[in-house]
mmCIF file of all heavy atoms, coordinates in Angstrom:
data_MODEL
# 
_entry.id   MODEL 
# 
loop_
_atom_site.group_PDB 
_atom_site.id 
_atom_site.type_symbol 
_atom_site.label_atom_id 
_atom_site.label_alt_id 
_atom_site.label_comp_id 
_atom_site.label_asym_id 
_atom_site.label_entity_id 
_atom_site.label_seq_id 
_atom_site.pdbx_PDB_ins_code 
_atom_site.Cartn_x 
_atom_site.Cartn_y 
_atom_site.Cartn_z 
_atom_site.occupancy 
_atom_site.B_iso_or_equiv 
_atom_site.pdbx_formal_charge 
_atom_site.auth_seq_id 
_atom_site.auth_comp_id 
_atom_site.auth_asym_id 
_atom_site.auth_atom_id 
_atom_site.pdbx_PDB_model_num 
ATOM 1   N N   . PRO A 1 1  ? 2.356   -10.308 -8.054  1.00 0.00 ? 1  PRO A N   1 
ATOM 2   C CA  . PRO A 1 1  ? 3.474   -9.819  -8.890  1.00 0.00 ? 1  PRO A CA  1 
ATOM 3   C C   . PRO A 1 1  ? 4.313   -8.959  -8.006  1.00 0.00 ? 1  PRO A C   1 
ATOM 4   O O   . PRO A 1 1  ? 3.842   -8.285  -7.001  1.00 0.00 ? 1  PRO A O   1 
ATOM 5   C CB  . PRO A 1 1  ? 2.771   -9.139  -10.065 1.00 0.00 ? 1  PRO A CB  1 
ATOM 6   C CG  . PRO A 1 1  ? 1.443   -8.829  -9.629  1.00 0.00 ? 1  PRO A CG  1 
ATOM 7   C CD  . PRO A 1 1  ? 1.071   -9.808  -8.699  1.00 0.00 ? 1  PRO A CD  1 
ATOM 8   N N   . VAL A 1 2  ? 5.581   -8.735  -8.377  1.00 0.00 ? 2  VAL A N   1 
ATOM 9   C CA  . VAL A 1 2  ? 6.498   -8.014  -7.641  1.00 0.00 ? 2  VAL A CA  1 
ATOM 10  C C   . VAL A 1 2  ? 6.115   -6.561  -7.530  1.00 0.00 ? 2  VAL A C   1 
ATOM 11  O O   . VAL A 1 2  ? 6.442   -5.909  -6.639  1.00 0.00 ? 2  VAL A O   1 
ATOM 12  C CB  . VAL A 1 2  ? 7.942   -8.219  -8.372  1.00 0.00 ? 2  VAL A CB  1 
ATOM 13  C CG1 . VAL A 1 2  ? 7.939   -7.667  -9.805  1.00 0.00 ? 2  VAL A CG1 1 
ATOM 14  C CG2 . VAL A 1 2  ? 9.138   -7.515  -7.472  1.00 0.00 ? 2  VAL A CG2 1 
ATOM 15  N N   . GLU A 1 3  ? 5.482   -6.006  -8.578  1.00 0.00 ? 3  GLU A N   1 
ATOM 16  C CA  . GLU A 1 3  ? 5.070   -4.661  -8.625  1.00 0.00 ? 3  GLU A CA  1 
ATOM 17  C C   . GLU A 1 3  ? 4.120   -4.357  -7.348  1.00 0.00 ? 3  GLU A C   1 
ATOM 18  O O   . GLU A 1 3  ? 4.304   -3.369  -6.611  1.00 0.00 ? 3  GLU A O   1 
ATOM 19  C CB  . GLU A 1 3  ? 4.385   -4.270  -9.800  1.00 0.00 ? 3  GLU A CB  1 
ATOM 20  C CG  . GLU A 1 3  ? 3.872   -2.870  -9.932  1.00 0.00 ? 3  GLU A CG  1 
ATOM 21  C CD  . GLU A 1 3  ? 3.071   -2.448  -11.099 1.00 0.00 ? 3  GLU A CD  1 
ATOM 22  O OE1 . GLU A 1 3  ? 2.951   -3.311  -12.007 1.00 0.00 ? 3  GLU A OE1 1 
ATOM 23  O OE2 . GLU A 1 3  ? 2.569   -1.355  -11.178 1.00 0.00 ? 3  GLU A OE2 1 
ATOM 24  N N   . THR A 1 4  ? 3.169   -5.412  -7.066  1.00 0.00 ? 4  THR A N   1 
ATOM 25  C CA  . THR A 1 4  ? 2.312   -5.251  -5.948  1.00 0.00 ? 4  THR A CA  1 
ATOM 26  C C   . THR A 1 4  ? 3.032   -5.404  -4.716  1.00 0.00 ? 4  THR A C   1 
ATOM 27  O O   . THR A 1 4  ? 2.688   -4.727  -3.546  1.00 0.00 ? 4  THR A O   1 
ATOM 28  C CB  . THR A 1 4  ? 1.120   -6.218  -6.055  1.00 0.00 ? 4  THR A CB  1 
ATOM 29  O OG1 . THR A 1 4  ? 0.452   -5.961  -7.377  1.00 0.00 ? 4  THR A OG1 1 
ATOM 30  C CG2 . THR A 1 4  ? 0.128   -6.030  -4.898  1.00 0.00 ? 4  THR A CG2 1 
ATOM 31  N N   . LEU A 1 5  ? 4.070   -6.277  -4.618  1.00 0.00 ? 5  LEU A N   1 
ATOM 32  C CA  . LEU A 1 5  ? 4.786   -6.511  -3.430  1.00 0.00 ? 5  LEU A CA  1 
ATOM 33  C C   . LEU A 1 5  ? 5.566   -5.279  -2.963  1.00 0.00 ? 5  LEU A C   1 
ATOM 34  O O   . LEU A 1 5  ? 5.599   -4.806  -1.855  1.00 0.00 ? 5  LEU A O   1 
ATOM 35  C CB  . LEU A 1 5  ? 5.804   -7.686  -3.652  1.00 0.00 ? 5  LEU A CB  1 
ATOM 36  C CG  . LEU A 1 5  ? 5.146   -9.030  -3.828  1.00 0.00 ? 5  LEU A CG  1 
ATOM 37  C CD1 . LEU A 1 5  ? 6.234   -10.049 -4.159  1.00 0.00 ? 5  LEU A CD1 1 
ATOM 38  C CD2 . LEU A 1 5  ? 4.280   -9.485  -2.731  1.00 0.00 ? 5  LEU A CD2 1 
ATOM 39  N N   . LYS A 1 6  ? 6.127   -4.578  -4.102  1.00 0.00 ? 6  LYS A N   1 
ATOM 40  C CA  . LYS A 1 6  ? 6.999   -3.386  -3.693  1.00 0.00 ? 6  LYS A CA  1 
ATOM 41  C C   . LYS A 1 6  ? 6.090   -2.231  -3.313  1.00 0.00 ? 6  LYS A C   1 
ATOM 42  O O   . LYS A 1 6  ? 6.292   -1.454  -2.394  1.00 0.00 ? 6  LYS A O   1 
ATOM 43  C CB  . LYS A 1 6  ? 7.620   -2.901  -5.003  1.00 0.00 ? 6  LYS A CB  1 
ATOM 44  C CG  . LYS A 1 6  ? 8.878   -3.781  -5.413  1.00 0.00 ? 6  LYS A CG  1 
ATOM 45  C CD  . LYS A 1 6  ? 9.555   -3.224  -6.727  1.00 0.00 ? 6  LYS A CD  1 
ATOM 46  C CE  . LYS A 1 6  ? 10.866  -3.898  -6.903  1.00 0.00 ? 6  LYS A CE  1 
ATOM 47  N NZ  . LYS A 1 6  ? 11.532  -3.243  -8.105  1.00 0.00 ? 6  LYS A NZ  1 
ATOM 48  N N   . PHE A 1 7  ? 4.794   -2.195  -3.850  1.00 0.00 ? 7  PHE A N   1 
ATOM 49  C CA  . PHE A 1 7  ? 3.840   -1.250  -3.437  1.00 0.00 ? 7  PHE A CA  1 
ATOM 50  C C   . PHE A 1 7  ? 3.439   -1.476  -1.943  1.00 0.00 ? 7  PHE A C   1 
ATOM 51  O O   . PHE A 1 7  ? 3.413   -0.458  -1.157  1.00 0.00 ? 7  PHE A O   1 
ATOM 52  C CB  . PHE A 1 7  ? 2.552   -1.413  -4.330  1.00 0.00 ? 7  PHE A CB  1 
ATOM 53  C CG  . PHE A 1 7  ? 1.351   -0.617  -3.810  1.00 0.00 ? 7  PHE A CG  1 
ATOM 54  C CD1 . PHE A 1 7  ? 1.135   0.661   -3.844  1.00 0.00 ? 7  PHE A CD1 1 
ATOM 55  C CD2 . PHE A 1 7  ? 0.301   -1.417  -3.231  1.00 0.00 ? 7  PHE A CD2 1 
ATOM 56  C CE1 . PHE A 1 7  ? 0.076   1.405   -3.443  1.00 0.00 ? 7  PHE A CE1 1 
ATOM 57  C CE2 . PHE A 1 7  ? -0.813  -0.807  -2.817  1.00 0.00 ? 7  PHE A CE2 1 
ATOM 58  C CZ  . PHE A 1 7  ? -0.984  0.526   -2.851  1.00 0.00 ? 7  PHE A CZ  1 
ATOM 59  N N   . ALA A 1 8  ? 3.130   -2.718  -1.681  1.00 0.00 ? 8  ALA A N   1 
ATOM 60  C CA  . ALA A 1 8  ? 2.706   -3.003  -0.206  1.00 0.00 ? 8  ALA A CA  1 
ATOM 61  C C   . ALA A 1 8  ? 3.877   -2.685  0.804   1.00 0.00 ? 8  ALA A C   1 
ATOM 62  O O   . ALA A 1 8  ? 3.569   -2.155  1.906   1.00 0.00 ? 8  ALA A O   1 
ATOM 63  C CB  . ALA A 1 8  ? 2.369   -4.486  -0.200  1.00 0.00 ? 8  ALA A CB  1 
ATOM 64  N N   . ILE A 1 9  ? 5.090   -2.983  0.388   1.00 0.00 ? 9  ILE A N   1 
ATOM 65  C CA  . ILE A 1 9  ? 6.167   -2.698  1.307   1.00 0.00 ? 9  ILE A CA  1 
ATOM 66  C C   . ILE A 1 9  ? 6.352   -1.151  1.441   1.00 0.00 ? 9  ILE A C   1 
ATOM 67  O O   . ILE A 1 9  ? 6.533   -0.591  2.562   1.00 0.00 ? 9  ILE A O   1 
ATOM 68  C CB  . ILE A 1 9  ? 7.623   -3.255  0.777   1.00 0.00 ? 9  ILE A CB  1 
ATOM 69  C CG1 . ILE A 1 9  ? 7.423   -4.819  0.854   1.00 0.00 ? 9  ILE A CG1 1 
ATOM 70  C CG2 . ILE A 1 9  ? 8.726   -2.812  1.512   1.00 0.00 ? 9  ILE A CG2 1 
ATOM 71  C CD1 . ILE A 1 9  ? 8.643   -5.511  0.088   1.00 0.00 ? 9  ILE A CD1 1 
ATOM 72  N N   . SER A 1 10 ? 6.187   -0.418  0.372   1.00 0.00 ? 10 SER A N   1 
ATOM 73  C CA  . SER A 1 10 ? 6.353   0.974   0.407   1.00 0.00 ? 10 SER A CA  1 
ATOM 74  C C   . SER A 1 10 ? 5.225   1.602   1.361   1.00 0.00 ? 10 SER A C   1 
ATOM 75  O O   . SER A 1 10 ? 5.525   2.467   2.171   1.00 0.00 ? 10 SER A O   1 
ATOM 76  C CB  . SER A 1 10 ? 6.300   1.668   -0.954  1.00 0.00 ? 10 SER A CB  1 
ATOM 77  O OG  . SER A 1 10 ? 6.238   3.060   -0.853  1.00 0.00 ? 10 SER A OG  1 
ATOM 78  N N   . GLN A 1 11 ? 3.987   1.122   1.098   1.00 0.00 ? 11 GLN A N   1 
ATOM 79  C CA  . GLN A 1 11 ? 2.784   1.640   2.000   1.00 0.00 ? 11 GLN A CA  1 
ATOM 80  C C   . GLN A 1 11 ? 3.061   1.273   3.433   1.00 0.00 ? 11 GLN A C   1 
ATOM 81  O O   . GLN A 1 11 ? 2.845   2.122   4.326   1.00 0.00 ? 11 GLN A O   1 
ATOM 82  C CB  . GLN A 1 11 ? 1.564   1.044   1.532   1.00 0.00 ? 11 GLN A CB  1 
ATOM 83  C CG  . GLN A 1 11 ? 1.133   1.442   -0.021  1.00 0.00 ? 11 GLN A CG  1 
ATOM 84  C CD  . GLN A 1 11 ? 0.181   2.727   0.255   1.00 0.00 ? 11 GLN A CD  1 
ATOM 85  O OE1 . GLN A 1 11 ? -0.798  2.766   0.762   1.00 0.00 ? 11 GLN A OE1 1 
ATOM 86  N NE2 . GLN A 1 11 ? 0.717   3.859   -0.481  1.00 0.00 ? 11 GLN A NE2 1 
ATOM 87  N N   . PHE A 1 12 ? 3.612   0.176   3.715   1.00 0.00 ? 12 PHE A N   1 
ATOM 88  C CA  . PHE A 1 12 ? 3.843   -0.286  5.050   1.00 0.00 ? 12 PHE A CA  1 
ATOM 89  C C   . PHE A 1 12 ? 4.814   0.614   5.724   1.00 0.00 ? 12 PHE A C   1 
ATOM 90  O O   . PHE A 1 12 ? 4.692   1.076   6.852   1.00 0.00 ? 12 PHE A O   1 
ATOM 91  C CB  . PHE A 1 12 ? 4.218   -1.824  5.153   1.00 0.00 ? 12 PHE A CB  1 
ATOM 92  C CG  . PHE A 1 12 ? 4.831   -2.109  6.451   1.00 0.00 ? 12 PHE A CG  1 
ATOM 93  C CD1 . PHE A 1 12 ? 4.157   -2.186  7.579   1.00 0.00 ? 12 PHE A CD1 1 
ATOM 94  C CD2 . PHE A 1 12 ? 6.224   -2.385  6.482   1.00 0.00 ? 12 PHE A CD2 1 
ATOM 95  C CE1 . PHE A 1 12 ? 4.795   -2.545  8.793   1.00 0.00 ? 12 PHE A CE1 1 
ATOM 96  C CE2 . PHE A 1 12 ? 6.823   -2.856  7.667   1.00 0.00 ? 12 PHE A CE2 1 
ATOM 97  C CZ  . PHE A 1 12 ? 6.077   -2.831  8.868   1.00 0.00 ? 12 PHE A CZ  1 
ATOM 98  N N   . GLU A 1 13 ? 5.926   0.835   5.028   1.00 0.00 ? 13 GLU A N   1 
ATOM 99  C CA  . GLU A 1 13 ? 7.065   1.602   5.590   1.00 0.00 ? 13 GLU A CA  1 
ATOM 100 C C   . GLU A 1 13 ? 6.702   3.082   5.746   1.00 0.00 ? 13 GLU A C   1 
ATOM 101 O O   . GLU A 1 13 ? 7.217   3.760   6.548   1.00 0.00 ? 13 GLU A O   1 
ATOM 102 C CB  . GLU A 1 13 ? 8.295   1.326   4.724   1.00 0.00 ? 13 GLU A CB  1 
ATOM 103 C CG  . GLU A 1 13 ? 8.866   -0.006  4.769   1.00 0.00 ? 13 GLU A CG  1 
ATOM 104 C CD  . GLU A 1 13 ? 10.113  -0.100  3.917   1.00 0.00 ? 13 GLU A CD  1 
ATOM 105 O OE1 . GLU A 1 13 ? 10.345  0.735   2.996   1.00 0.00 ? 13 GLU A OE1 1 
ATOM 106 O OE2 . GLU A 1 13 ? 10.828  -1.064  3.976   1.00 0.00 ? 13 GLU A OE2 1 
ATOM 107 N N   . THR A 1 14 ? 5.773   3.522   4.809   1.00 0.00 ? 14 THR A N   1 
ATOM 108 C CA  . THR A 1 14 ? 5.384   5.022   4.864   1.00 0.00 ? 14 THR A CA  1 
ATOM 109 C C   . THR A 1 14 ? 4.233   5.196   5.784   1.00 0.00 ? 14 THR A C   1 
ATOM 110 O O   . THR A 1 14 ? 4.259   6.258   6.575   1.00 0.00 ? 14 THR A O   1 
ATOM 111 C CB  . THR A 1 14 ? 5.046   5.483   3.528   1.00 0.00 ? 14 THR A CB  1 
ATOM 112 O OG1 . THR A 1 14 ? 6.129   5.170   2.567   1.00 0.00 ? 14 THR A OG1 1 
ATOM 113 C CG2 . THR A 1 14 ? 4.745   6.935   3.501   1.00 0.00 ? 14 THR A CG2 1 
ATOM 114 N N   . TYR A 1 15 ? 3.224   4.371   5.728   1.00 0.00 ? 15 TYR A N   1 
ATOM 115 C CA  . TYR A 1 15 ? 1.910   4.623   6.378   1.00 0.00 ? 15 TYR A CA  1 
ATOM 116 C C   . TYR A 1 15 ? 1.488   3.566   7.435   1.00 0.00 ? 15 TYR A C   1 
ATOM 117 O O   . TYR A 1 15 ? 0.661   3.667   8.225   1.00 0.00 ? 15 TYR A O   1 
ATOM 118 C CB  . TYR A 1 15 ? 0.732   4.734   5.549   1.00 0.00 ? 15 TYR A CB  1 
ATOM 119 C CG  . TYR A 1 15 ? 0.893   5.790   4.402   1.00 0.00 ? 15 TYR A CG  1 
ATOM 120 C CD1 . TYR A 1 15 ? 1.230   5.228   3.072   1.00 0.00 ? 15 TYR A CD1 1 
ATOM 121 C CD2 . TYR A 1 15 ? 0.935   7.017   4.637   1.00 0.00 ? 15 TYR A CD2 1 
ATOM 122 C CE1 . TYR A 1 15 ? 1.363   6.212   2.067   1.00 0.00 ? 15 TYR A CE1 1 
ATOM 123 C CE2 . TYR A 1 15 ? 1.156   8.084   3.664   1.00 0.00 ? 15 TYR A CE2 1 
ATOM 124 C CZ  . TYR A 1 15 ? 1.392   7.638   2.399   1.00 0.00 ? 15 TYR A CZ  1 
ATOM 125 O OH  . TYR A 1 15 ? 1.600   8.507   1.360   1.00 0.00 ? 15 TYR A OH  1 
ATOM 126 N N   . GLY A 1 16 ? 2.287   2.493   7.549   1.00 0.00 ? 16 GLY A N   1 
ATOM 127 C CA  . GLY A 1 16 ? 2.039   1.328   8.463   1.00 0.00 ? 16 GLY A CA  1 
ATOM 128 C C   . GLY A 1 16 ? 1.008   0.341   7.913   1.00 0.00 ? 16 GLY A C   1 
ATOM 129 O O   . GLY A 1 16 ? 0.739   -0.682  8.505   1.00 0.00 ? 16 GLY A O   1 
ATOM 130 N N   . GLY A 1 17 ? 0.499   0.688   6.715   1.00 0.00 ? 17 GLY A N   1 
ATOM 131 C CA  . GLY A 1 17 ? -0.398  -0.280  5.927   1.00 0.00 ? 17 GLY A CA  1 
ATOM 132 C C   . GLY A 1 17 ? -0.756  0.310   4.748   1.00 0.00 ? 17 GLY A C   1 
ATOM 133 O O   . GLY A 1 17 ? -0.484  1.522   4.397   1.00 0.00 ? 17 GLY A O   1 
ATOM 134 N N   . ILE A 1 18 ? -1.562  -0.410  3.934   1.00 0.00 ? 18 ILE A N   1 
ATOM 135 C CA  . ILE A 1 18 ? -2.139  0.062   2.697   1.00 0.00 ? 18 ILE A CA  1 
ATOM 136 C C   . ILE A 1 18 ? -3.307  0.972   2.891   1.00 0.00 ? 18 ILE A C   1 
ATOM 137 O O   . ILE A 1 18 ? -4.241  0.606   3.518   1.00 0.00 ? 18 ILE A O   1 
ATOM 138 C CB  . ILE A 1 18 ? -2.477  -1.095  1.597   1.00 0.00 ? 18 ILE A CB  1 
ATOM 139 C CG1 . ILE A 1 18 ? -1.162  -1.908  1.381   1.00 0.00 ? 18 ILE A CG1 1 
ATOM 140 C CG2 . ILE A 1 18 ? -3.117  -0.551  0.393   1.00 0.00 ? 18 ILE A CG2 1 
ATOM 141 C CD1 . ILE A 1 18 ? -1.485  -3.103  0.495   1.00 0.00 ? 18 ILE A CD1 1 
ATOM 142 N N   . ILE A 1 19 ? -3.108  2.206   2.447   1.00 0.00 ? 19 ILE A N   1 
ATOM 143 C CA  . ILE A 1 19 ? -4.181  3.257   2.547   1.00 0.00 ? 19 ILE A CA  1 
ATOM 144 C C   . ILE A 1 19 ? -4.966  3.370   1.222   1.00 0.00 ? 19 ILE A C   1 
ATOM 145 O O   . ILE A 1 19 ? -4.428  3.593   0.145   1.00 0.00 ? 19 ILE A O   1 
ATOM 146 C CB  . ILE A 1 19 ? -3.614  4.662   2.974   1.00 0.00 ? 19 ILE A CB  1 
ATOM 147 C CG1 . ILE A 1 19 ? -2.649  4.542   4.201   1.00 0.00 ? 19 ILE A CG1 1 
ATOM 148 C CG2 . ILE A 1 19 ? -4.705  5.561   3.160   1.00 0.00 ? 19 ILE A CG2 1 
ATOM 149 C CD1 . ILE A 1 19 ? -3.305  4.022   5.308   1.00 0.00 ? 19 ILE A CD1 1 
ATOM 150 N N   . ARG A 1 20 ? -6.352  3.028   1.276   1.00 0.00 ? 20 ARG A N   1 
ATOM 151 C CA  . ARG A 1 20 ? -7.153  3.145   0.193   1.00 0.00 ? 20 ARG A CA  1 
ATOM 152 C C   . ARG A 1 20 ? -8.251  4.063   0.343   1.00 0.00 ? 20 ARG A C   1 
ATOM 153 O O   . ARG A 1 20 ? -8.690  4.320   1.506   1.00 0.00 ? 20 ARG A O   1 
ATOM 154 C CB  . ARG A 1 20 ? -7.782  1.817   -0.167  1.00 0.00 ? 20 ARG A CB  1 
ATOM 155 C CG  . ARG A 1 20 ? -6.750  0.656   -0.416  1.00 0.00 ? 20 ARG A CG  1 
ATOM 156 C CD  . ARG A 1 20 ? -7.455  -0.685  -0.742  1.00 0.00 ? 20 ARG A CD  1 
ATOM 157 N NE  . ARG A 1 20 ? -6.414  -1.730  -0.944  1.00 0.00 ? 20 ARG A NE  1 
ATOM 158 C CZ  . ARG A 1 20 ? -6.022  -2.525  -0.075  1.00 0.00 ? 20 ARG A CZ  1 
ATOM 159 N NH1 . ARG A 1 20 ? -6.450  -2.379  1.205   1.00 0.00 ? 20 ARG A NH1 1 
ATOM 160 N NH2 . ARG A 1 20 ? -5.159  -3.450  -0.376  1.00 0.00 ? 20 ARG A NH2 1 
ATOM 161 N N   . PRO A 1 21 ? -8.679  4.808   -0.669  1.00 0.00 ? 21 PRO A N   1 
ATOM 162 C CA  . PRO A 1 21 ? -9.755  5.826   -0.603  1.00 0.00 ? 21 PRO A CA  1 
ATOM 163 C C   . PRO A 1 21 ? -11.143 5.092   -0.357  1.00 0.00 ? 21 PRO A C   1 
ATOM 164 O O   . PRO A 1 21 ? -11.426 4.038   -0.869  1.00 0.00 ? 21 PRO A O   1 
ATOM 165 C CB  . PRO A 1 21 ? -9.813  6.442   -1.971  1.00 0.00 ? 21 PRO A CB  1 
ATOM 166 C CG  . PRO A 1 21 ? -9.290  5.455   -2.918  1.00 0.00 ? 21 PRO A CG  1 
ATOM 167 C CD  . PRO A 1 21 ? -8.246  4.608   -2.116  1.00 0.00 ? 21 PRO A CD  1 
ATOM 168 N N   . ALA A 1 22 ? -11.908 5.661   0.613   1.00 0.00 ? 22 ALA A N   1 
ATOM 169 C CA  . ALA A 1 22 ? -13.194 5.151   0.996   1.00 0.00 ? 22 ALA A CA  1 
ATOM 170 C C   . ALA A 1 22 ? -14.179 5.812   -0.028  1.00 0.00 ? 22 ALA A C   1 
ATOM 171 O O   . ALA A 1 22 ? -14.809 6.866   0.297   1.00 0.00 ? 22 ALA A O   1 
ATOM 172 C CB  . ALA A 1 22 ? -13.581 5.377   2.327   1.00 0.00 ? 22 ALA A CB  1 
ATOM 173 N N   . ILE A 1 23 ? -14.416 5.220   -1.171  1.00 0.00 ? 23 ILE A N   1 
ATOM 174 C CA  . ILE A 1 23 ? -15.353 5.899   -2.228  1.00 0.00 ? 23 ILE A CA  1 
ATOM 175 C C   . ILE A 1 23 ? -16.769 5.768   -1.716  1.00 0.00 ? 23 ILE A C   1 
ATOM 176 O O   . ILE A 1 23 ? -17.147 4.759   -1.176  1.00 0.00 ? 23 ILE A O   1 
ATOM 177 C CB  . ILE A 1 23 ? -15.035 5.363   -3.521  1.00 0.00 ? 23 ILE A CB  1 
ATOM 178 C CG1 . ILE A 1 23 ? -15.325 3.827   -3.651  1.00 0.00 ? 23 ILE A CG1 1 
ATOM 179 C CG2 . ILE A 1 23 ? -13.637 5.690   -4.067  1.00 0.00 ? 23 ILE A CG2 1 
ATOM 180 C CD1 . ILE A 1 23 ? -15.363 3.204   -4.999  1.00 0.00 ? 23 ILE A CD1 1 
ATOM 181 N N   . ASP A 1 24 ? -17.635 6.702   -2.145  1.00 0.00 ? 24 ASP A N   1 
ATOM 182 C CA  . ASP A 1 24 ? -19.059 6.630   -1.716  1.00 0.00 ? 24 ASP A CA  1 
ATOM 183 C C   . ASP A 1 24 ? -19.925 6.439   -2.964  1.00 0.00 ? 24 ASP A C   1 
ATOM 184 O O   . ASP A 1 24 ? -20.993 6.965   -3.132  1.00 0.00 ? 24 ASP A O   1 
ATOM 185 C CB  . ASP A 1 24 ? -19.530 7.938   -1.072  1.00 0.00 ? 24 ASP A CB  1 
ATOM 186 C CG  . ASP A 1 24 ? -19.017 9.190   -1.650  1.00 0.00 ? 24 ASP A CG  1 
ATOM 187 O OD1 . ASP A 1 24 ? -18.346 9.028   -2.816  1.00 0.00 ? 24 ASP A OD1 1 
ATOM 188 O OD2 . ASP A 1 24 ? -19.056 10.286  -1.158  1.00 0.00 ? 24 ASP A OD2 1 
# 
């Protein structure tokens, strides 16, 4: 969906990739 596409583009432009928490 477009919402996820916008999220991925924003993450790429801000951080260079999608940043996710490494939960333990």
